[in-house]
Structure formats: structure tokens, C-alpha cells
């Protein structure tokens, strides 16, 4: 008999955490729901449940800076789908979450029944993004902004971009990712070309904006 699926709810607001747990249990009554209220507890939960079916992640926990928790999860547990549940409604937050590999972005103002439908879709392997926040800006050509060029990065290129932001050398990145140093150099050349950047310094600045949830459009 298959084990019941596990969902991790990471939110430091007790009422919202309970609401998310009840929402999961409504659409998946047999689910095991693990509730955590800090990044430290989230790390422990992910380590204990690497086969979790979904993580519902609040961005505003006390020990979380910007999208750092999402970065950690996508780097260390890429097999676990992560959806953000947040009060931040700015479009650049959504685009950054997409670039970092989240499967959804659920505003906390979303009606309860719709939230249940979204959770059901996420548990079925789908994704969900607020339509009014992900539609292209009127009159803007696709591919013209840094945000659109970020969409072109492969998961590995994105991981390397974030390592560049952390000041890692090519040799260190190669060791972290289990690839050769020459492969790292190739990926860096490719990501710089895709992002229309000239240097690692520019890439590090862009990655910092991405993790901080700051706008990453061309200036």
C-alpha cells in the first residue's frame, strides 16, 4: 500500500498555517501535513521528508531574506515542488519565483475555495500563477527585458548564476554541482550571452536582485 503523501507548510502565522493545513486535508484527506514556522525548521523538515509532494512556502518568515528559502529548496531538494503563499503581489516577485523554479505563486488574498482548487492542482503535478501578474506587459516585446531573458536559462544555468552571486569560484561551483570546471565555464559563457551581460560582476548583481525580489528589468 503506498504511503500517504506529505505536504510541508512553512508559515509563521498560526492562523494561516492552520488554514493551509486544513486546505490540504480537504483536498487530500490522507495527507500528512508538516507545519514549520522558520527556515531552520523548514530545513529539518525537508531533510526528513525529501519525498514530500509539495511545500507551501511563506516568504515572510522571520529568518527568511527575500527568496533565499526558495533558493535553498531548489538547490538542495529540486525534486520537491515548491509553491509560494505570500502577501507580496508585485509582478517582479512572481517572475523571480518563476525563474527560481517555483511551481506556483498564491497571494494570501486568494479566496478560500480557489485556494483549495489551486492546492488540488499543485498536488496533481500542475502549476498556478496569478493570470494578471504573469501576462506580458501591453506593448512590450517578449524577450526584450532581463526578466524575459532569465526565463531562457536552464535550471543548471540558474543554479550557477546563484553560485556566482555567492562569490563561488569555478572550481568550487564544479565541486558543488558535481560537474567539470570546463563545463562550468561553458555554462557561464552561455548564461552571460543569454542575459546579454558582459561580466560575472553584472551577473552577481542580477542574481542578488533576483533573490531579494527586486525588479530585474533593464534600466
N, C-alpha and C. Protein backbone atom coordinates (compact mmCIF):
# COMPACT_ATOMS: atom_id res chain seq x y z
N UNK A 1 0.85 -1.20 0.00
CA UNK A 1 0.00 0.00 0.00
C UNK A 1 0.88 1.25 0.00
N UNK A 2 0.66 2.19 -0.92
CA UNK A 2 1.52 3.37 -0.98
C UNK A 2 1.39 4.24 0.25
N UNK A 3 2.48 4.87 0.62
CA UNK A 3 2.48 5.75 1.78
C UNK A 3 1.68 7.01 1.46
N UNK A 4 1.02 7.60 2.47
CA UNK A 4 0.29 8.85 2.23
C UNK A 4 1.26 9.96 1.84
N UNK A 5 0.80 10.85 0.99
CA UNK A 5 1.68 11.94 0.58
C UNK A 5 1.92 12.91 1.73
N UNK A 6 3.06 13.57 1.66
CA UNK A 6 3.45 14.54 2.69
C UNK A 6 3.50 15.93 2.10
N UNK A 7 2.92 16.88 2.81
CA UNK A 7 2.96 18.28 2.41
C UNK A 7 3.56 19.07 3.57
N UNK A 8 4.52 19.94 3.26
CA UNK A 8 5.14 20.79 4.27
C UNK A 8 4.58 22.21 4.12
N UNK A 9 4.03 22.72 5.21
CA UNK A 9 3.51 24.09 5.25
C UNK A 9 4.48 24.94 6.07
N UNK A 10 5.11 25.91 5.44
CA UNK A 10 6.09 26.78 6.11
C UNK A 10 5.51 28.18 6.21
N UNK A 11 4.98 28.52 7.38
CA UNK A 11 4.36 29.82 7.60
C UNK A 11 4.39 30.10 9.10
N UNK A 12 4.88 31.28 9.48
CA UNK A 12 4.99 31.58 10.91
C UNK A 12 3.73 32.20 11.49
N UNK A 13 2.70 32.42 10.66
CA UNK A 13 1.43 32.94 11.17
C UNK A 13 0.53 31.75 11.50
N UNK A 14 0.23 31.50 12.79
CA UNK A 14 -0.51 30.30 13.19
C UNK A 14 -1.83 30.11 12.46
N UNK A 15 -2.62 31.17 12.32
CA UNK A 15 -3.92 31.03 11.69
C UNK A 15 -3.80 30.66 10.22
N UNK A 16 -2.86 31.28 9.53
CA UNK A 16 -2.67 30.98 8.12
C UNK A 16 -2.11 29.57 7.93
N UNK A 17 -1.23 29.17 8.83
CA UNK A 17 -0.68 27.82 8.76
C UNK A 17 -1.78 26.79 8.92
N UNK A 18 -2.67 27.02 9.89
CA UNK A 18 -3.79 26.12 10.10
C UNK A 18 -4.71 26.10 8.89
N UNK A 19 -4.98 27.28 8.32
CA UNK A 19 -5.84 27.35 7.14
C UNK A 19 -5.27 26.55 5.97
N UNK A 20 -3.95 26.65 5.78
CA UNK A 20 -3.32 25.89 4.70
C UNK A 20 -3.37 24.39 5.00
N UNK A 21 -3.14 24.02 6.27
CA UNK A 21 -3.22 22.60 6.62
C UNK A 21 -4.62 22.05 6.36
N UNK A 22 -5.62 22.79 6.76
CA UNK A 22 -6.99 22.34 6.54
C UNK A 22 -7.32 22.29 5.05
N UNK A 23 -6.75 23.23 4.29
CA UNK A 23 -6.97 23.21 2.85
C UNK A 23 -6.37 21.97 2.20
N UNK A 24 -5.16 21.61 2.62
CA UNK A 24 -4.53 20.39 2.10
C UNK A 24 -5.35 19.17 2.48
N UNK A 25 -5.78 19.10 3.73
CA UNK A 25 -6.53 17.93 4.20
C UNK A 25 -7.91 17.85 3.56
N UNK A 26 -8.44 18.99 3.14
CA UNK A 26 -9.74 18.95 2.45
C UNK A 26 -9.62 18.29 1.10
N UNK A 27 -8.55 18.59 0.36
CA UNK A 27 -8.42 18.02 -0.99
C UNK A 27 -7.67 16.69 -0.97
N UNK A 28 -6.93 16.41 0.11
CA UNK A 28 -6.19 15.15 0.24
C UNK A 28 -6.31 14.69 1.69
N UNK A 29 -7.44 14.09 2.07
CA UNK A 29 -7.72 13.76 3.47
C UNK A 29 -6.66 12.89 4.14
N UNK A 30 -5.99 12.07 3.38
CA UNK A 30 -5.00 11.17 3.98
C UNK A 30 -3.60 11.77 4.03
N UNK A 31 -3.45 13.02 3.59
CA UNK A 31 -2.12 13.63 3.55
C UNK A 31 -1.56 13.86 4.95
N UNK A 32 -0.26 13.69 5.06
CA UNK A 32 0.46 14.07 6.28
C UNK A 32 0.96 15.49 6.09
N UNK A 33 0.54 16.40 6.96
CA UNK A 33 0.91 17.80 6.83
C UNK A 33 1.90 18.16 7.94
N UNK A 34 3.08 18.60 7.53
CA UNK A 34 4.12 19.03 8.48
C UNK A 34 4.12 20.55 8.51
N UNK A 35 3.90 21.15 9.68
CA UNK A 35 3.87 22.60 9.80
C UNK A 35 5.16 23.10 10.46
N UNK A 36 5.79 24.08 9.84
CA UNK A 36 7.01 24.69 10.38
C UNK A 36 6.87 26.20 10.32
N UNK A 37 7.62 26.89 11.20
CA UNK A 37 7.47 28.34 11.26
C UNK A 37 8.79 29.10 11.16
N UNK A 38 9.83 28.44 10.65
CA UNK A 38 11.13 29.09 10.49
C UNK A 38 11.92 28.38 9.41
N UNK A 39 12.94 29.05 8.88
CA UNK A 39 13.78 28.43 7.87
C UNK A 39 14.53 27.25 8.45
N UNK A 40 14.98 27.37 9.71
CA UNK A 40 15.67 26.25 10.35
C UNK A 40 14.78 25.02 10.40
N UNK A 41 13.53 25.21 10.81
CA UNK A 41 12.60 24.08 10.89
C UNK A 41 12.27 23.54 9.51
N UNK A 42 12.21 24.44 8.51
CA UNK A 42 11.95 24.01 7.14
C UNK A 42 13.09 23.13 6.64
N UNK A 43 14.33 23.53 6.93
CA UNK A 43 15.47 22.71 6.53
C UNK A 43 15.38 21.31 7.13
N UNK A 44 15.02 21.23 8.39
CA UNK A 44 14.90 19.94 9.06
C UNK A 44 13.77 19.11 8.47
N UNK A 45 12.64 19.76 8.16
CA UNK A 45 11.51 19.04 7.60
C UNK A 45 11.82 18.52 6.20
N UNK A 46 12.48 19.33 5.38
CA UNK A 46 12.83 18.88 4.03
C UNK A 46 13.83 17.73 4.08
N UNK A 47 14.76 17.79 5.02
CA UNK A 47 15.72 16.71 5.17
C UNK A 47 15.04 15.42 5.60
N UNK A 48 14.05 15.55 6.48
CA UNK A 48 13.33 14.37 6.98
C UNK A 48 12.33 13.83 5.97
N UNK A 49 11.88 14.68 5.05
CA UNK A 49 10.85 14.26 4.08
C UNK A 49 11.26 14.69 2.67
N UNK A 50 12.35 14.13 2.15
CA UNK A 50 12.81 14.52 0.81
C UNK A 50 11.86 14.09 -0.30
N UNK A 51 10.89 13.21 0.04
CA UNK A 51 9.90 12.76 -0.95
C UNK A 51 8.58 13.51 -0.80
N UNK A 52 8.59 14.64 -0.11
CA UNK A 52 7.36 15.42 0.06
C UNK A 52 6.74 15.74 -1.29
N UNK A 53 5.41 15.74 -1.32
CA UNK A 53 4.70 16.01 -2.57
C UNK A 53 4.64 17.49 -2.89
N UNK A 54 4.76 18.35 -1.85
CA UNK A 54 4.62 19.77 -2.07
C UNK A 54 5.08 20.53 -0.83
N UNK A 55 5.68 21.69 -1.05
CA UNK A 55 5.96 22.63 0.04
C UNK A 55 5.22 23.93 -0.26
N UNK A 56 4.42 24.38 0.70
CA UNK A 56 3.74 25.67 0.61
C UNK A 56 4.54 26.64 1.46
N UNK A 57 5.18 27.60 0.83
CA UNK A 57 6.21 28.42 1.48
C UNK A 57 5.80 29.88 1.58
N UNK A 58 5.77 30.38 2.82
CA UNK A 58 5.57 31.81 3.06
C UNK A 58 6.93 32.50 2.97
N UNK A 59 6.98 33.62 2.27
CA UNK A 59 8.25 34.33 2.10
C UNK A 59 8.63 35.19 3.30
N UNK A 60 7.69 35.45 4.19
CA UNK A 60 7.91 36.47 5.20
C UNK A 60 8.21 35.91 6.59
N UNK A 61 8.73 34.71 6.69
CA UNK A 61 9.13 34.19 7.99
C UNK A 61 10.32 34.98 8.52
N UNK A 62 10.46 35.10 9.84
CA UNK A 62 11.47 36.00 10.42
C UNK A 62 12.89 35.78 9.93
N UNK A 63 13.29 34.53 9.72
CA UNK A 63 14.68 34.26 9.36
C UNK A 63 14.86 34.03 7.86
N UNK A 64 13.91 34.51 7.05
CA UNK A 64 13.99 34.35 5.60
C UNK A 64 14.21 35.72 4.96
N UNK A 65 15.24 35.81 4.11
CA UNK A 65 15.54 37.04 3.39
C UNK A 65 15.15 36.87 1.93
N UNK A 66 14.12 37.60 1.52
CA UNK A 66 13.70 37.54 0.13
C UNK A 66 13.35 36.12 -0.29
N UNK A 67 13.95 35.69 -1.39
CA UNK A 67 13.68 34.36 -1.94
C UNK A 67 14.75 33.34 -1.56
N UNK A 68 15.48 33.61 -0.47
CA UNK A 68 16.57 32.72 -0.08
C UNK A 68 16.08 31.32 0.27
N UNK A 69 14.90 31.21 0.90
CA UNK A 69 14.38 29.89 1.25
C UNK A 69 14.04 29.10 0.00
N UNK A 70 13.48 29.78 -1.01
CA UNK A 70 13.19 29.10 -2.27
C UNK A 70 14.48 28.67 -2.95
N UNK A 71 15.51 29.53 -2.91
CA UNK A 71 16.80 29.16 -3.49
C UNK A 71 17.34 27.90 -2.83
N UNK A 72 17.30 27.86 -1.49
CA UNK A 72 17.79 26.70 -0.77
C UNK A 72 17.06 25.43 -1.19
N UNK A 73 15.74 25.50 -1.26
CA UNK A 73 14.95 24.32 -1.60
C UNK A 73 15.22 23.86 -3.03
N UNK A 74 15.32 24.79 -3.97
CA UNK A 74 15.53 24.40 -5.35
C UNK A 74 16.94 23.84 -5.56
N UNK A 75 17.90 24.29 -4.77
CA UNK A 75 19.26 23.78 -4.91
C UNK A 75 19.42 22.43 -4.23
N UNK A 76 18.89 22.30 -3.01
CA UNK A 76 19.12 21.09 -2.22
C UNK A 76 18.05 20.02 -2.42
N UNK A 77 16.83 20.43 -2.76
CA UNK A 77 15.74 19.47 -2.92
C UNK A 77 14.94 19.79 -4.20
N UNK A 78 15.61 19.73 -5.36
CA UNK A 78 14.94 20.10 -6.61
C UNK A 78 13.77 19.20 -6.95
N UNK A 79 13.69 18.02 -6.31
CA UNK A 79 12.60 17.09 -6.61
C UNK A 79 11.30 17.46 -5.91
N UNK A 80 11.35 18.37 -4.93
CA UNK A 80 10.14 18.74 -4.19
C UNK A 80 9.53 20.00 -4.82
N UNK A 81 8.30 19.93 -5.32
CA UNK A 81 7.66 21.14 -5.85
C UNK A 81 7.43 22.16 -4.73
N UNK A 82 7.67 23.42 -5.04
CA UNK A 82 7.51 24.49 -4.06
C UNK A 82 6.58 25.56 -4.63
N UNK A 83 5.54 25.90 -3.88
CA UNK A 83 4.65 27.00 -4.25
C UNK A 83 4.72 28.06 -3.17
N UNK A 84 4.80 29.31 -3.58
CA UNK A 84 4.86 30.41 -2.63
C UNK A 84 3.46 30.85 -2.26
N UNK A 85 3.26 31.09 -0.96
CA UNK A 85 2.00 31.64 -0.46
C UNK A 85 2.38 32.94 0.25
N UNK A 86 2.01 34.06 -0.32
CA UNK A 86 2.60 35.31 0.12
C UNK A 86 1.65 36.49 -0.01
N UNK A 87 1.94 37.52 0.77
CA UNK A 87 1.18 38.78 0.68
C UNK A 87 1.79 39.72 -0.35
N UNK A 88 2.94 39.37 -0.92
CA UNK A 88 3.59 40.21 -1.93
C UNK A 88 2.94 39.97 -3.28
N UNK A 89 2.38 41.02 -3.88
CA UNK A 89 1.66 40.86 -5.13
C UNK A 89 2.37 41.49 -6.32
N UNK A 90 3.57 42.01 -6.13
CA UNK A 90 4.25 42.66 -7.23
C UNK A 90 4.67 41.65 -8.30
N UNK A 91 4.56 42.08 -9.56
CA UNK A 91 4.86 41.17 -10.67
C UNK A 91 6.30 40.68 -10.65
N UNK A 92 7.25 41.54 -10.21
CA UNK A 92 8.64 41.10 -10.24
C UNK A 92 8.90 39.97 -9.25
N UNK A 93 8.11 39.90 -8.15
CA UNK A 93 8.24 38.76 -7.24
C UNK A 93 7.82 37.48 -7.95
N UNK A 94 6.74 37.56 -8.71
CA UNK A 94 6.25 36.38 -9.43
C UNK A 94 7.28 35.92 -10.45
N UNK A 95 7.83 36.87 -11.22
CA UNK A 95 8.79 36.50 -12.23
C UNK A 95 10.06 35.91 -11.62
N UNK A 96 10.50 36.46 -10.48
CA UNK A 96 11.68 35.92 -9.82
C UNK A 96 11.40 34.50 -9.33
N UNK A 97 10.21 34.29 -8.77
CA UNK A 97 9.85 32.94 -8.30
C UNK A 97 9.83 31.95 -9.46
N UNK A 98 9.30 32.38 -10.61
CA UNK A 98 9.31 31.51 -11.78
C UNK A 98 10.73 31.17 -12.20
N UNK A 99 11.59 32.19 -12.24
CA UNK A 99 12.96 31.96 -12.66
C UNK A 99 13.70 31.02 -11.72
N UNK A 100 13.34 31.05 -10.44
CA UNK A 100 13.99 30.19 -9.45
C UNK A 100 13.39 28.79 -9.39
N UNK A 101 12.33 28.53 -10.15
CA UNK A 101 11.82 27.18 -10.25
C UNK A 101 10.63 26.84 -9.39
N UNK A 102 9.93 27.84 -8.83
CA UNK A 102 8.71 27.55 -8.08
C UNK A 102 7.63 27.04 -9.04
N UNK A 103 6.65 26.30 -8.50
CA UNK A 103 5.56 25.79 -9.33
C UNK A 103 4.30 26.62 -9.18
N UNK A 104 4.31 27.58 -8.26
CA UNK A 104 3.12 28.39 -8.09
C UNK A 104 3.37 29.60 -7.21
N UNK A 105 2.43 30.53 -7.27
CA UNK A 105 2.51 31.77 -6.51
C UNK A 105 1.08 32.11 -6.11
N UNK A 106 0.77 31.93 -4.83
CA UNK A 106 -0.61 32.07 -4.36
C UNK A 106 -0.70 33.27 -3.42
N UNK A 107 -1.31 34.38 -3.84
CA UNK A 107 -1.50 35.50 -2.93
C UNK A 107 -2.36 35.09 -1.75
N UNK A 108 -2.04 35.61 -0.57
CA UNK A 108 -2.82 35.25 0.62
C UNK A 108 -4.24 35.81 0.57
N UNK A 109 -4.49 36.72 -0.35
CA UNK A 109 -5.84 37.26 -0.52
C UNK A 109 -6.72 36.39 -1.40
N UNK A 110 -6.17 35.27 -1.91
CA UNK A 110 -6.94 34.38 -2.77
C UNK A 110 -8.12 33.78 -2.00
N UNK A 111 -9.33 33.79 -2.57
CA UNK A 111 -10.49 33.21 -1.89
C UNK A 111 -10.25 31.76 -1.50
N UNK A 112 -10.88 31.34 -0.39
CA UNK A 112 -10.62 30.03 0.18
C UNK A 112 -10.88 28.90 -0.81
N UNK A 113 -12.02 28.92 -1.46
CA UNK A 113 -12.35 27.83 -2.38
C UNK A 113 -11.36 27.77 -3.54
N UNK A 114 -10.94 28.93 -4.02
CA UNK A 114 -9.96 28.94 -5.10
C UNK A 114 -8.62 28.39 -4.61
N UNK A 115 -8.25 28.73 -3.38
CA UNK A 115 -7.02 28.18 -2.81
C UNK A 115 -7.06 26.67 -2.76
N UNK A 116 -8.21 26.11 -2.38
CA UNK A 116 -8.35 24.65 -2.37
C UNK A 116 -8.16 24.08 -3.77
N UNK A 117 -8.75 24.72 -4.77
CA UNK A 117 -8.59 24.25 -6.15
C UNK A 117 -7.13 24.32 -6.58
N UNK A 118 -6.43 25.37 -6.17
CA UNK A 118 -5.02 25.52 -6.52
C UNK A 118 -4.19 24.42 -5.88
N UNK A 119 -4.44 24.15 -4.60
CA UNK A 119 -3.71 23.08 -3.91
C UNK A 119 -3.96 21.74 -4.60
N UNK A 120 -5.21 21.50 -4.99
CA UNK A 120 -5.54 20.25 -5.69
C UNK A 120 -4.73 20.15 -6.99
N UNK A 121 -4.65 21.23 -7.72
CA UNK A 121 -3.90 21.23 -8.98
C UNK A 121 -2.41 21.01 -8.73
N UNK A 122 -1.86 21.66 -7.71
CA UNK A 122 -0.44 21.51 -7.40
C UNK A 122 -0.11 20.08 -7.00
N UNK A 123 -0.97 19.46 -6.21
CA UNK A 123 -0.73 18.08 -5.78
C UNK A 123 -0.85 17.10 -6.95
N UNK A 124 -1.56 17.51 -7.98
CA UNK A 124 -1.70 16.67 -9.17
C UNK A 124 -0.54 16.88 -10.15
N UNK A 125 0.43 17.72 -9.75
CA UNK A 125 1.59 17.95 -10.60
C UNK A 125 1.48 19.17 -11.48
N UNK A 126 0.45 19.99 -11.24
CA UNK A 126 0.29 21.18 -12.04
C UNK A 126 1.01 22.38 -11.46
N UNK A 127 0.72 23.54 -12.02
CA UNK A 127 1.29 24.79 -11.53
C UNK A 127 0.19 25.84 -11.53
N UNK A 128 0.43 26.93 -10.82
CA UNK A 128 -0.57 28.00 -10.81
C UNK A 128 0.10 29.34 -10.57
N UNK A 129 -0.24 30.30 -11.44
CA UNK A 129 0.30 31.66 -11.35
C UNK A 129 -0.85 32.64 -11.54
N UNK A 130 -0.88 33.73 -10.79
CA UNK A 130 -1.95 34.72 -10.96
C UNK A 130 -1.94 35.28 -12.37
N UNK A 131 -3.01 35.07 -13.13
CA UNK A 131 -3.01 35.49 -14.55
C UNK A 131 -2.67 36.96 -14.74
N UNK A 132 -3.16 37.82 -13.85
CA UNK A 132 -2.94 39.26 -14.04
C UNK A 132 -1.51 39.67 -13.71
N UNK A 133 -0.74 38.76 -13.11
CA UNK A 133 0.64 39.09 -12.76
C UNK A 133 1.66 38.46 -13.70
N UNK A 134 1.25 37.49 -14.50
CA UNK A 134 2.21 36.83 -15.39
C UNK A 134 1.99 37.15 -16.85
N UNK A 135 0.89 37.80 -17.19
CA UNK A 135 0.67 38.14 -18.61
C UNK A 135 1.66 39.20 -19.04
N UNK A 136 2.17 39.13 -20.26
CA UNK A 136 3.15 40.11 -20.74
C UNK A 136 2.60 41.52 -20.67
N UNK A 137 3.47 42.48 -20.37
CA UNK A 137 3.05 43.87 -20.36
C UNK A 137 2.59 44.30 -21.75
N UNK A 138 1.51 45.05 -21.79
CA UNK A 138 0.99 45.53 -23.07
C UNK A 138 2.04 46.37 -23.79
N UNK A 139 2.29 46.04 -25.05
CA UNK A 139 3.20 46.84 -25.85
C UNK A 139 4.66 46.47 -25.69
N UNK A 140 4.97 45.52 -24.81
CA UNK A 140 6.39 45.17 -24.63
C UNK A 140 6.70 43.90 -25.39
N UNK A 141 7.70 43.93 -26.20
CA UNK A 141 8.07 42.76 -27.00
C UNK A 141 8.67 41.70 -26.10
N UNK A 142 8.22 40.45 -26.28
CA UNK A 142 8.76 39.35 -25.50
C UNK A 142 10.24 39.19 -25.80
N UNK A 143 11.03 38.93 -24.78
CA UNK A 143 12.45 38.71 -24.94
C UNK A 143 13.25 39.99 -24.83
N UNK A 144 12.58 41.14 -24.61
CA UNK A 144 13.29 42.41 -24.62
C UNK A 144 13.84 42.79 -23.26
N UNK A 145 13.37 42.18 -22.16
CA UNK A 145 13.79 42.59 -20.83
C UNK A 145 14.65 41.50 -20.19
N UNK A 146 15.33 41.89 -19.11
CA UNK A 146 16.12 40.91 -18.37
C UNK A 146 15.23 39.82 -17.83
N UNK A 147 14.02 40.16 -17.38
CA UNK A 147 13.10 39.15 -16.85
C UNK A 147 12.82 38.08 -17.90
N UNK A 148 12.59 38.48 -19.13
CA UNK A 148 12.32 37.51 -20.18
C UNK A 148 13.56 36.69 -20.51
N UNK A 149 14.72 37.32 -20.46
CA UNK A 149 15.95 36.56 -20.74
C UNK A 149 16.23 35.57 -19.61
N UNK A 150 15.86 35.91 -18.38
CA UNK A 150 16.02 34.96 -17.28
C UNK A 150 15.22 33.68 -17.54
N UNK A 151 14.05 33.84 -18.17
CA UNK A 151 13.22 32.68 -18.47
C UNK A 151 13.93 31.67 -19.38
N UNK A 152 14.93 32.15 -20.12
CA UNK A 152 15.62 31.29 -21.07
C UNK A 152 16.71 30.43 -20.42
N UNK A 153 17.06 30.73 -19.17
CA UNK A 153 18.11 29.97 -18.52
C UNK A 153 17.62 28.56 -18.17
N UNK A 154 18.50 27.59 -18.36
CA UNK A 154 18.19 26.23 -17.92
C UNK A 154 18.31 26.17 -16.40
N UNK A 155 17.74 25.14 -15.76
CA UNK A 155 17.89 25.01 -14.30
C UNK A 155 19.35 25.01 -13.86
N UNK A 156 20.22 24.35 -14.62
CA UNK A 156 21.64 24.32 -14.24
C UNK A 156 22.27 25.69 -14.36
N UNK A 157 21.93 26.43 -15.42
CA UNK A 157 22.46 27.78 -15.58
C UNK A 157 21.98 28.69 -14.46
N UNK A 158 20.73 28.52 -14.05
CA UNK A 158 20.21 29.31 -12.94
C UNK A 158 20.94 29.00 -11.65
N UNK A 159 21.20 27.71 -11.41
CA UNK A 159 21.95 27.33 -10.20
C UNK A 159 23.33 27.97 -10.21
N UNK A 160 23.98 27.95 -11.36
CA UNK A 160 25.32 28.54 -11.47
C UNK A 160 25.25 30.05 -11.26
N UNK A 161 24.22 30.69 -11.78
CA UNK A 161 24.05 32.13 -11.57
C UNK A 161 23.97 32.44 -10.08
N UNK A 162 23.26 31.63 -9.33
CA UNK A 162 23.14 31.87 -7.90
C UNK A 162 24.45 31.59 -7.17
N UNK A 163 25.21 30.62 -7.65
CA UNK A 163 26.54 30.38 -7.08
C UNK A 163 27.46 31.58 -7.35
N UNK A 164 27.35 32.17 -8.53
CA UNK A 164 28.14 33.38 -8.84
C UNK A 164 27.78 34.49 -7.86
N UNK A 165 26.50 34.62 -7.57
CA UNK A 165 26.05 35.63 -6.60
C UNK A 165 26.70 35.41 -5.25
N UNK A 166 26.94 34.16 -4.87
CA UNK A 166 27.56 33.84 -3.59
C UNK A 166 29.07 33.97 -3.61
N UNK A 167 29.64 34.39 -4.76
CA UNK A 167 31.08 34.59 -4.86
C UNK A 167 31.88 33.31 -5.04
N UNK A 168 31.23 32.23 -5.47
CA UNK A 168 31.92 30.96 -5.64
C UNK A 168 32.79 30.99 -6.90
N UNK A 169 33.98 30.40 -6.81
CA UNK A 169 34.87 30.26 -7.95
C UNK A 169 34.43 29.09 -8.81
N UNK A 170 34.90 29.06 -10.06
CA UNK A 170 34.51 27.98 -10.97
C UNK A 170 34.81 26.60 -10.38
N UNK A 171 35.97 26.47 -9.76
CA UNK A 171 36.35 25.18 -9.17
C UNK A 171 35.39 24.80 -8.06
N UNK A 172 34.99 25.77 -7.26
CA UNK A 172 34.06 25.50 -6.16
C UNK A 172 32.67 25.14 -6.70
N UNK A 173 32.23 25.86 -7.72
CA UNK A 173 30.93 25.56 -8.32
C UNK A 173 30.93 24.15 -8.90
N UNK A 174 32.02 23.80 -9.57
CA UNK A 174 32.13 22.46 -10.16
C UNK A 174 32.00 21.39 -9.08
N UNK A 175 32.68 21.60 -7.94
CA UNK A 175 32.60 20.64 -6.85
C UNK A 175 31.21 20.56 -6.26
N UNK A 176 30.57 21.72 -6.10
CA UNK A 176 29.22 21.74 -5.53
C UNK A 176 28.21 21.01 -6.40
N UNK A 177 28.35 21.16 -7.73
CA UNK A 177 27.36 20.61 -8.65
C UNK A 177 27.76 19.26 -9.23
N UNK A 178 28.98 18.81 -8.93
CA UNK A 178 29.42 17.51 -9.44
C UNK A 178 29.66 17.49 -10.93
N UNK A 179 30.16 18.61 -11.47
CA UNK A 179 30.46 18.69 -12.89
C UNK A 179 31.90 19.19 -13.05
N UNK A 180 32.40 19.17 -14.29
CA UNK A 180 33.77 19.60 -14.51
C UNK A 180 33.87 21.13 -14.53
N UNK A 181 35.08 21.61 -14.28
CA UNK A 181 35.29 23.05 -14.29
C UNK A 181 35.08 23.63 -15.69
N UNK A 182 35.45 22.87 -16.71
CA UNK A 182 35.24 23.34 -18.08
C UNK A 182 33.76 23.46 -18.41
N UNK A 183 32.96 22.54 -17.84
CA UNK A 183 31.51 22.61 -18.05
C UNK A 183 30.94 23.86 -17.39
N UNK A 184 31.47 24.19 -16.20
CA UNK A 184 31.04 25.41 -15.52
C UNK A 184 31.35 26.63 -16.39
N UNK A 185 32.55 26.68 -16.95
CA UNK A 185 32.94 27.81 -17.80
C UNK A 185 32.00 27.93 -18.99
N UNK A 186 31.64 26.79 -19.58
CA UNK A 186 30.72 26.81 -20.72
C UNK A 186 29.36 27.35 -20.32
N UNK A 187 28.86 26.89 -19.16
CA UNK A 187 27.55 27.36 -18.68
C UNK A 187 27.58 28.86 -18.40
N UNK A 188 28.68 29.34 -17.83
CA UNK A 188 28.77 30.78 -17.52
C UNK A 188 28.77 31.60 -18.80
N UNK A 189 29.54 31.15 -19.79
CA UNK A 189 29.55 31.86 -21.08
C UNK A 189 28.16 31.90 -21.68
N UNK A 190 27.44 30.77 -21.58
CA UNK A 190 26.10 30.69 -22.15
C UNK A 190 25.13 31.59 -21.42
N UNK A 191 25.18 31.57 -20.08
CA UNK A 191 24.21 32.40 -19.33
C UNK A 191 24.50 33.88 -19.50
N UNK A 192 25.77 34.26 -19.60
CA UNK A 192 26.09 35.67 -19.85
C UNK A 192 25.54 36.11 -21.22
N UNK A 193 25.67 35.22 -22.20
CA UNK A 193 25.15 35.54 -23.54
C UNK A 193 23.63 35.65 -23.51
N UNK A 194 22.96 34.70 -22.85
CA UNK A 194 21.51 34.73 -22.79
C UNK A 194 20.99 35.97 -22.07
N UNK A 195 21.72 36.42 -21.05
CA UNK A 195 21.29 37.57 -20.27
C UNK A 195 21.81 38.89 -20.83
N UNK A 196 22.62 38.80 -21.88
CA UNK A 196 23.22 40.00 -22.50
C UNK A 196 24.05 40.76 -21.47
N UNK A 197 24.86 40.02 -20.72
CA UNK A 197 25.74 40.61 -19.72
C UNK A 197 27.19 40.42 -20.17
N UNK A 198 28.07 41.26 -19.61
CA UNK A 198 29.46 41.22 -20.03
C UNK A 198 30.39 40.61 -18.99
N UNK A 199 29.94 40.49 -17.73
CA UNK A 199 30.86 40.06 -16.69
C UNK A 199 30.15 39.29 -15.58
N UNK A 200 30.95 38.58 -14.79
CA UNK A 200 30.42 37.88 -13.61
C UNK A 200 29.87 38.88 -12.61
N UNK A 201 30.49 40.05 -12.52
CA UNK A 201 30.01 41.06 -11.57
C UNK A 201 28.59 41.47 -11.90
N UNK A 202 28.30 41.71 -13.17
CA UNK A 202 26.95 42.04 -13.58
C UNK A 202 25.99 40.90 -13.26
N UNK A 203 26.46 39.66 -13.47
CA UNK A 203 25.62 38.50 -13.18
C UNK A 203 25.33 38.40 -11.69
N UNK A 204 26.33 38.69 -10.86
CA UNK A 204 26.14 38.63 -9.40
C UNK A 204 25.13 39.67 -8.94
N UNK A 205 25.20 40.87 -9.51
CA UNK A 205 24.24 41.92 -9.16
C UNK A 205 22.83 41.51 -9.54
N UNK A 206 22.68 40.94 -10.73
CA UNK A 206 21.37 40.48 -11.18
C UNK A 206 20.82 39.39 -10.26
N UNK A 207 21.68 38.43 -9.88
CA UNK A 207 21.24 37.34 -9.02
C UNK A 207 20.83 37.86 -7.64
N UNK A 208 21.53 38.88 -7.15
CA UNK A 208 21.17 39.48 -5.86
C UNK A 208 19.78 40.11 -5.93
N UNK A 209 19.48 40.80 -7.03
CA UNK A 209 18.15 41.37 -7.21
C UNK A 209 17.10 40.27 -7.27
N UNK A 210 17.43 39.20 -7.97
CA UNK A 210 16.50 38.08 -8.12
C UNK A 210 16.13 37.50 -6.76
N UNK A 211 17.13 37.28 -5.92
CA UNK A 211 16.88 36.68 -4.60
C UNK A 211 16.20 37.65 -3.66
N UNK A 212 16.40 38.93 -3.85
CA UNK A 212 15.80 39.92 -2.97
C UNK A 212 14.39 40.28 -3.39
N UNK A 213 13.95 39.74 -4.52
CA UNK A 213 12.63 40.08 -5.02
C UNK A 213 12.54 41.47 -5.59
N UNK A 214 13.69 42.05 -5.93
CA UNK A 214 13.69 43.39 -6.51
C UNK A 214 13.42 43.30 -8.01
N UNK A 215 12.91 44.39 -8.60
CA UNK A 215 12.69 44.38 -10.05
C UNK A 215 14.00 44.11 -10.78
N UNK A 216 13.94 43.30 -11.83
CA UNK A 216 15.16 42.97 -12.56
C UNK A 216 15.05 43.42 -14.02
N UNK A 217 14.17 44.38 -14.28
CA UNK A 217 14.06 44.89 -15.63
C UNK A 217 15.30 45.68 -16.02
N UNK A 218 15.44 45.89 -17.32
CA UNK A 218 16.50 46.75 -17.80
C UNK A 218 16.29 48.16 -17.26
N UNK A 219 17.38 48.83 -16.99
CA UNK A 219 17.26 50.22 -16.54
C UNK A 219 17.67 51.15 -17.67
